């Protein structure tokens, strides 16, 4: 009984902490990690280096699977 109560308390604390973290870093409400079902299928495919088909490459460009490129200069790093 007490183990279950402890697990519920830990779970709620963890969920609350993650929620607060999401607000601090500006994570979109209701946002999904994957851009589409095709992106999910590609990302969960087995292997160290899954191959990318031409269709998947085009979808990746259209849907922004890899996010927005961040451009910076060496001077900004120092």
Protein backbone atom coordinates (compact mmCIF):
# COMPACT_ATOMS: atom_id res chain seq x y z
CA UNK A 1 0.00 0.00 0.00
CA UNK A 2 2.68 2.52 1.03
CA UNK A 3 4.81 1.61 -1.97
CA UNK A 4 1.93 2.54 -4.27
CA UNK A 5 1.40 5.83 -2.45
CA UNK A 6 5.12 6.55 -2.70
CA UNK A 7 5.13 5.82 -6.42
CA UNK A 8 2.16 8.13 -6.98
CA UNK A 9 3.86 10.93 -5.02
CA UNK A 10 7.10 10.49 -6.98
CA UNK A 11 5.20 10.40 -10.28
CA UNK A 12 3.26 13.57 -9.51
CA UNK A 13 6.42 15.35 -8.37
CA UNK A 14 8.21 14.33 -11.56
CA UNK A 15 5.30 15.44 -13.75
CA UNK A 16 5.14 18.80 -11.96
CA UNK A 17 8.88 19.33 -12.36
CA UNK A 18 8.77 18.54 -16.06
CA UNK A 19 5.82 20.88 -16.53
CA UNK A 20 7.69 23.73 -14.83
CA UNK A 21 10.75 23.00 -16.96
CA UNK A 22 8.68 23.09 -20.15
CA UNK A 23 7.38 26.55 -19.26
CA UNK A 24 10.90 27.86 -18.54
CA UNK A 25 12.24 26.69 -21.89
CA UNK A 26 9.24 27.74 -23.96
CA UNK A 27 8.13 24.31 -25.13
CA UNK A 28 4.90 24.61 -27.11
CA UNK A 29 1.72 23.47 -25.40
CA UNK A 30 0.39 20.35 -27.08
CA UNK A 31 3.45 20.11 -29.29
CA UNK A 32 4.60 16.77 -30.55
CA UNK A 33 8.14 15.52 -30.75
CA UNK A 34 7.52 14.06 -34.21
CA UNK A 35 6.42 16.17 -37.17
CA UNK A 36 4.31 13.36 -38.66
CA UNK A 37 3.66 9.61 -38.58
CA UNK A 38 6.29 9.17 -41.30
CA UNK A 39 8.82 10.97 -39.08
CA UNK A 40 7.89 8.70 -36.17
CA UNK A 41 8.30 5.61 -38.36
CA UNK A 42 11.71 6.79 -39.59
CA UNK A 43 12.93 7.69 -36.09
CA UNK A 44 11.91 4.38 -34.52
CA UNK A 45 13.28 2.22 -37.31
CA UNK A 46 15.97 -0.14 -36.05
CA UNK A 47 19.66 -0.03 -36.83
CA UNK A 48 22.55 2.30 -36.17
CA UNK A 49 22.15 4.27 -39.38
CA UNK A 50 18.75 3.82 -41.06
CA UNK A 51 18.65 4.65 -44.76
CA UNK A 52 16.62 7.61 -45.92
CA UNK A 53 14.43 7.21 -49.01
CA UNK A 54 13.88 10.03 -51.51
CA UNK A 55 10.27 10.35 -50.35
CA UNK A 56 11.35 10.61 -46.71
CA UNK A 57 13.98 13.21 -47.60
CA UNK A 58 11.36 15.37 -49.32
CA UNK A 59 8.96 14.99 -46.37
CA UNK A 60 11.78 15.86 -43.98
CA UNK A 61 12.41 19.13 -45.84
CA UNK A 62 8.70 20.00 -45.98
CA UNK A 63 7.92 19.11 -42.36
CA UNK A 64 11.16 20.30 -40.76
CA UNK A 65 12.15 16.99 -39.15
CA UNK A 66 15.56 18.28 -38.10
CA UNK A 67 14.42 21.68 -36.92
CA UNK A 68 15.80 25.08 -37.81
CA UNK A 69 19.53 25.38 -38.48
CA UNK A 70 21.42 27.48 -35.97
CA UNK A 71 24.07 29.67 -37.57
CA UNK A 72 26.85 31.11 -35.44
CA UNK A 73 30.39 32.40 -35.81
CA UNK A 74 33.48 31.25 -33.94
CA UNK A 75 33.65 34.61 -32.17
CA UNK A 76 30.25 34.01 -30.58
CA UNK A 77 31.54 30.84 -28.93
CA UNK A 78 34.38 32.53 -27.06
